Structures are given as C-alpha cells and as structure tokens.
C-alpha atoms as a PDB file:
ATOM      1  CA  MET A   1      -0.001   0.001   0.005  1.00  0.00           C
ATOM      2  CA  ALA A   2       1.316   3.437  -0.881  1.00  0.00           C
ATOM      3  CA  PHE A   3       2.096   5.810   1.959  1.00  0.00           C
ATOM      4  CA  ASP A   4      -0.465   8.391   0.725  1.00  0.00           C
ATOM      5  CA  THR A   5      -3.168   5.700   0.793  1.00  0.00           C
ATOM      6  CA  GLU A   6      -2.167   4.836   4.362  1.00  0.00           C
ATOM      7  CA  LEU A   7      -2.408   8.513   5.289  1.00  0.00           C
ATOM      8  CA  ASP A   8      -5.917   8.628   3.827  1.00  0.00           C
ATOM      9  CA  GLU A   9      -6.868   5.729   6.087  1.00  0.00           C
ATOM     10  CA  ILE A  10      -5.244   7.334   9.149  1.00  0.00           C
ATOM     11  CA  MET A  11      -7.194  10.526   8.408  1.00  0.00           C
ATOM     12  CA  ARG A  12     -10.406   8.575   9.154  1.00  0.00           C
ATOM     13  CA  ILE A  13      -9.461   8.860  12.851  1.00  0.00           C
ATOM     14  CA  ASP A  14     -11.269  11.961  14.195  1.00  0.00           C
ATOM     15  CA  LEU A  15      -8.178  13.633  15.605  1.00  0.00           C
ATOM     16  CA  PHE A  16      -6.096  13.092  12.496  1.00  0.00           C
ATOM     17  CA  ALA A  17      -8.941  14.139  10.141  1.00  0.00           C
ATOM     18  CA  VAL A  18      -8.245  17.776  11.060  1.00  0.00           C
ATOM     19  CA  PHE A  19      -4.510  17.528  10.306  1.00  0.00           C
ATOM     20  CA  GLU A  20      -3.002  19.090   7.224  1.00  0.00           C
ATOM     21  CA  PRO A  21      -1.395  16.319   5.138  1.00  0.00           C
ATOM     22  CA  GLU A  22       2.133  17.635   5.721  1.00  0.00           C
ATOM     23  CA  ALA A  23       1.564  17.766   9.490  1.00  0.00           C
ATOM     24  CA  LEU A  24       0.240  14.210   9.491  1.00  0.00           C
ATOM     25  CA  ARG A  25       3.216  13.011   7.459  1.00  0.00           C
ATOM     26  CA  GLY A  26       5.586  14.603   9.993  1.00  0.00           C
ATOM     27  CA  LEU A  27       3.731  12.980  12.860  1.00  0.00           C
ATOM     28  CA  ILE A  28       3.750   9.498  11.315  1.00  0.00           C
ATOM     29  CA  TYR A  29       7.381   9.706  10.139  1.00  0.00           C
ATOM     30  CA  GLY A  30       8.452  10.931  13.575  1.00  0.00           C
ATOM     31  CA  ALA A  31       6.570   8.202  15.471  1.00  0.00           C
ATOM     32  CA  GLU A  32       8.415   5.230  16.932  1.00  0.00           C
ATOM     33  CA  THR A  33       7.442   1.837  15.495  1.00  0.00           C
ATOM     34  CA  ARG A  34       6.978  -0.878  18.107  1.00  0.00           C
ATOM     35  CA  LEU A  35       6.581  -4.560  17.284  1.00  0.00           C
ATOM     36  CA  LEU A  36       4.629  -6.528  19.887  1.00  0.00           C
ATOM     37  CA  ARG A  37       4.378 -10.273  20.331  1.00  0.00           C
ATOM     38  CA  ALA A  38       1.148 -11.881  21.508  1.00  0.00           C
ATOM     39  CA  GLY A  39       0.884 -11.211  25.235  1.00  0.00           C
ATOM     40  CA  ASP A  40       3.244  -8.205  25.312  1.00  0.00           C
ATOM     41  CA  VAL A  41       1.943  -5.373  27.486  1.00  0.00           C
ATOM     42  CA  LEU A  42       1.618  -2.078  25.652  1.00  0.00           C
ATOM     43  CA  PHE A  43       0.928  -0.162  28.859  1.00  0.00           C
ATOM     44  CA  ARG A  44      -0.361  -0.829  32.386  1.00  0.00           C
ATOM     45  CA  ARG A  45      -3.136   0.794  34.340  1.00  0.00           C
ATOM     46  CA  GLY A  46      -1.723   3.559  36.538  1.00  0.00           C
ATOM     47  CA  GLU A  47       1.432   4.163  34.495  1.00  0.00           C
ATOM     48  CA  THR A  48       2.283   7.712  33.537  1.00  0.00           C
ATOM     49  CA  ALA A  49       1.240   8.270  29.939  1.00  0.00           C
ATOM     50  CA  ASP A  50       3.690  10.155  27.745  1.00  0.00           C
ATOM     51  CA  GLY A  51       1.881   9.826  24.423  1.00  0.00           C
ATOM     52  CA  GLY A  52      -0.516   7.815  22.342  1.00  0.00           C
ATOM     53  CA  TYR A  53      -0.349   4.734  20.123  1.00  0.00           C
ATOM     54  CA  LEU A  54      -1.683   4.197  16.638  1.00  0.00           C
ATOM     55  CA  LEU A  55      -2.498   0.516  16.122  1.00  0.00           C
ATOM     56  CA  ALA A  56      -1.298  -0.242  12.601  1.00  0.00           C
ATOM     57  CA  ALA A  57      -1.585  -4.077  12.554  1.00  0.00           C
ATOM     58  CA  GLY A  58      -2.712  -6.860  14.844  1.00  0.00           C
ATOM     59  CA  ALA A  59      -5.042  -6.642  17.829  1.00  0.00           C
ATOM     60  CA  ILE A  60      -4.817  -4.950  21.211  1.00  0.00           C
ATOM     61  CA  ALA A  61      -6.937  -6.053  24.171  1.00  0.00           C
ATOM     62  CA  ILE A  62      -8.053  -3.522  26.758  1.00  0.00           C
ATOM     63  CA  GLU A  63      -8.479  -5.104  30.183  1.00  0.00           C
ATOM     64  CA  GLY A  64     -11.457  -4.408  32.358  1.00  0.00           C
ATOM     65  CA  ARG A  65     -11.041  -2.065  35.274  1.00  0.00           C
ATOM     66  CA  GLU A  66     -10.666  -4.976  37.713  1.00  0.00           C
ATOM     67  CA  PRO A  67      -7.307  -6.806  37.585  1.00  0.00           C
ATOM     68  CA  GLY A  68      -7.682 -10.198  35.943  1.00  0.00           C
ATOM     69  CA  ALA A  69     -11.082  -9.365  34.449  1.00  0.00           C
ATOM     70  CA  PRO A  70     -11.700 -10.503  30.878  1.00  0.00           C
ATOM     71  CA  ALA A  71     -10.808  -8.155  28.060  1.00  0.00           C
ATOM     72  CA  ARG A  72     -13.289  -5.314  27.951  1.00  0.00           C
ATOM     73  CA  LYS A  73     -12.612  -4.535  24.333  1.00  0.00           C
ATOM     74  CA  ILE A  74     -10.499  -5.853  21.460  1.00  0.00           C
ATOM     75  CA  LEU A  75      -9.154  -3.123  19.178  1.00  0.00           C
ATOM     76  CA  ARG A  76      -8.196  -3.595  15.528  1.00  0.00           C
ATOM     77  CA  PRO A  77      -6.403  -1.241  13.101  1.00  0.00           C
ATOM     78  CA  LEU A  78      -6.612   1.666  12.591  1.00  0.00           C
ATOM     79  CA  VAL A  79      -7.319   3.043  16.037  1.00  0.00           C
ATOM     80  CA  LEU A  80      -5.678   5.600  18.321  1.00  0.00           C
ATOM     81  CA  LEU A  81      -5.080   4.662  21.949  1.00  0.00           C
ATOM     82  CA  GLY A  82      -4.278   7.326  24.521  1.00  0.00           C
ATOM     83  CA  GLU A  83      -5.444  10.404  22.663  1.00  0.00           C
ATOM     84  CA  THR A  84      -5.643  12.467  25.868  1.00  0.00           C
ATOM     85  CA  ALA A  85      -1.992  11.691  26.631  1.00  0.00           C
ATOM     86  CA  LEU A  86      -1.004  13.474  23.403  1.00  0.00           C
ATOM     87  CA  VAL A  87      -2.110  16.798  24.841  1.00  0.00           C
ATOM     88  CA  ALA A  88      -1.863  16.500  28.635  1.00  0.00           C
ATOM     89  CA  ALA A  89      -0.057  14.615  31.361  1.00  0.00           C
ATOM     90  CA  THR A  90      -2.221  11.760  32.579  1.00  0.00           C
ATOM     91  CA  SER A  91      -2.028   8.169  33.768  1.00  0.00           C
ATOM     92  CA  ARG A  92      -3.257   5.093  31.946  1.00  0.00           C
ATOM     93  CA  PRO A  93      -6.789   4.153  33.094  1.00  0.00           C
ATOM     94  CA  MET A  94      -6.482   0.538  31.896  1.00  0.00           C
ATOM     95  CA  THR A  95      -3.983  -2.075  30.792  1.00  0.00           C
ATOM     96  CA  ALA A  96      -3.512  -2.835  27.094  1.00  0.00           C
ATOM     97  CA  PHE A  97      -1.714  -5.867  25.668  1.00  0.00           C
ATOM     98  CA  ALA A  98      -1.232  -7.507  22.291  1.00  0.00           C
ATOM     99  CA  ARG A  99      -3.677 -10.348  21.579  1.00  0.00           C
ATOM    100  CA  GLU A 100      -1.582 -11.343  18.564  1.00  0.00           C
ATOM    101  CA  PRO A 101       1.583 -10.045  16.919  1.00  0.00           C
ATOM    102  CA  SER A 102       0.931  -6.338  16.452  1.00  0.00           C
ATOM    103  CA  ILE A 103       2.512  -3.127  15.224  1.00  0.00           C
ATOM    104  CA  VAL A 104       1.904   0.213  16.905  1.00  0.00           C
ATOM    105  CA  LEU A 105       3.292   3.669  16.230  1.00  0.00           C
ATOM    106  CA  LYS A 106       4.129   5.458  19.455  1.00  0.00           C
ATOM    107  CA  ILE A 107       3.416   9.166  19.155  1.00  0.00           C
ATOM    108  CA  SER A 108       5.097  10.988  22.019  1.00  0.00           C
ATOM    109  CA  ARG A 109       3.476  14.076  23.522  1.00  0.00           C
ATOM    110  CA  THR A 110       6.663  15.967  22.686  1.00  0.00           C
ATOM    111  CA  LEU A 111       6.430  15.019  18.982  1.00  0.00           C
ATOM    112  CA  PHE A 112       2.718  15.863  18.906  1.00  0.00           C
ATOM    113  CA  HIS A 113       3.372  19.327  20.340  1.00  0.00           C
ATOM    114  CA  GLN A 114       6.316  19.905  17.977  1.00  0.00           C
ATOM    115  CA  ILE A 115       4.104  19.129  14.977  1.00  0.00           C
ATOM    116  CA  LEU A 116       1.408  21.526  16.265  1.00  0.00           C
ATOM    117  CA  GLU A 117       4.021  24.272  16.741  1.00  0.00           C
ATOM    118  CA  LYS A 118       5.265  23.820  13.164  1.00  0.00           C
ATOM    119  CA  HIS A 119       1.730  23.730  11.718  1.00  0.00           C
ATOM    120  CA  PRO A 120      -0.410  26.485  13.260  1.00  0.00           C
ATOM    121  CA  THR A 121      -3.414  25.724  11.035  1.00  0.00           C
ATOM    122  CA  THR A 122      -3.429  22.143  12.288  1.00  0.00           C
ATOM    123  CA  ALA A 123      -2.980  23.386  15.862  1.00  0.00           C
ATOM    124  CA  ALA A 124      -6.032  25.651  15.506  1.00  0.00           C
ATOM    125  CA  ARG A 125      -8.084  22.763  14.081  1.00  0.00           C
ATOM    126  CA  VAL A 126      -7.037  20.445  16.923  1.00  0.00           C
ATOM    127  CA  ARG A 127      -7.897  23.114  19.489  1.00  0.00           C
ATOM    128  CA  GLN A 128     -11.330  23.570  17.839  1.00  0.00           C
ATOM    129  CA  LEU A 129     -11.932  19.796  17.786  1.00  0.00           C
ATOM    130  CA  PHE A 130     -11.273  19.518  21.525  1.00  0.00           C
ATOM    131  CA  GLN A 131     -13.328  22.640  22.228  1.00  0.00           C
ATOM    132  CA  ASP A 132     -16.259  21.177  20.269  1.00  0.00           C
ATOM    133  CA  ARG A 133     -15.990  17.891  22.140  1.00  0.00           C
ATOM    134  CA  LEU A 134     -15.967  19.705  25.485  1.00  0.00           C
ATOM    135  CA  THR A 135     -18.992  21.749  24.486  1.00  0.00           C
ATOM    136  CA  GLN A 136     -20.874  18.599  23.383  1.00  0.00           C
ATOM    137  CA  PHE A 137     -19.940  16.916  26.654  1.00  0.00           C
ATOM    138  CA  ALA A 138     -21.077  19.918  28.708  1.00  0.00           C
ATOM    139  CA  LEU A 139     -24.383  20.128  26.813  1.00  0.00           C
ATOM    140  CA  GLY A 140     -24.965  16.447  27.484  1.00  0.00           C
ATOM    141  CA  LEU A 141     -24.663  16.882  31.251  1.00  0.00           C
ATOM    142  CA  LYS A 142     -27.868  17.166  33.222  1.00  0.00           C
ATOM    143  CA  ILE A 143     -27.822  19.494  36.176  1.00  0.00           C
ATOM    144  CA  ASP A 144     -29.996  18.427  39.092  1.00  0.00           C
ATOM    145  CA  ALA A 145     -31.943  21.297  40.633  1.00  0.00           C
END
C-alpha cells in the first residue's frame, strides 16, 4: 500500500482528520514503530502516559477495570489509543496488551506538540476539535436542581 493511501486511512481517525497532510506526514514519520508479540503489554493501568499509540496491525486487548477481568474490548487497526496523553499529562486508566503479533506507532506528547508548533493551522483545528468535544460533553450533562 502506498504511503499516501495509508495517510488517507489514518485521516479517518477523528483527531487526524483535522490535520493538514504535511503535518500528518511529519507525525507519522516521527513516530516510533513498536513490534509486539502476543501477550506483550503495551501499557499498564496507573502508568504515567507520555503519548498515544496508533495501532497499525494486529489486535490490542483492553483489560477491564478490575485486575484479571476478561478483556473489555479488542481493538483492531486503525485506532488511536491514549489520545488524551497526546495533549496532557495523565495516567493510563487501563492495561492494554497484544492479543496477537501487532505493530503500533508510538506518538510521544513531545512530537505531537512539535508538529502543532510547526503547523499552526493544524494546531487551531485540533484546538477547535477539543473545544467542540468539550462543548458537546457539557451540553450532554444534566444538572440536578
């Protein structure tokens, strides 16, 4: 598959849909490729999160909130894990591990911020995306009187 075709597929992810193509290329080229074997832990609940992961191939299981609980969800490509960690310091709310051999691209928070600094139009679009999400969330809250 040609790289531009892959970028088109990655742009189906909400966050990356607002990226200018050149900004997205920089983000993907700058990401660290990690190969996981079945059973490898991608991250553990409670760990400090320093970025997100784009699942490019394979399958990642997200454990339930209780240790030892069955997988709550099985993720398949293309999906972004840890979106919040791209913009703010946080800890991992759950454990994620490879269900089968998998490939992820680790996008560090530092890289994400560097790309936004180099591409102000993309930065403005990302800011608007998060603002819109917050507004939708706030409108969905019911206030008890």
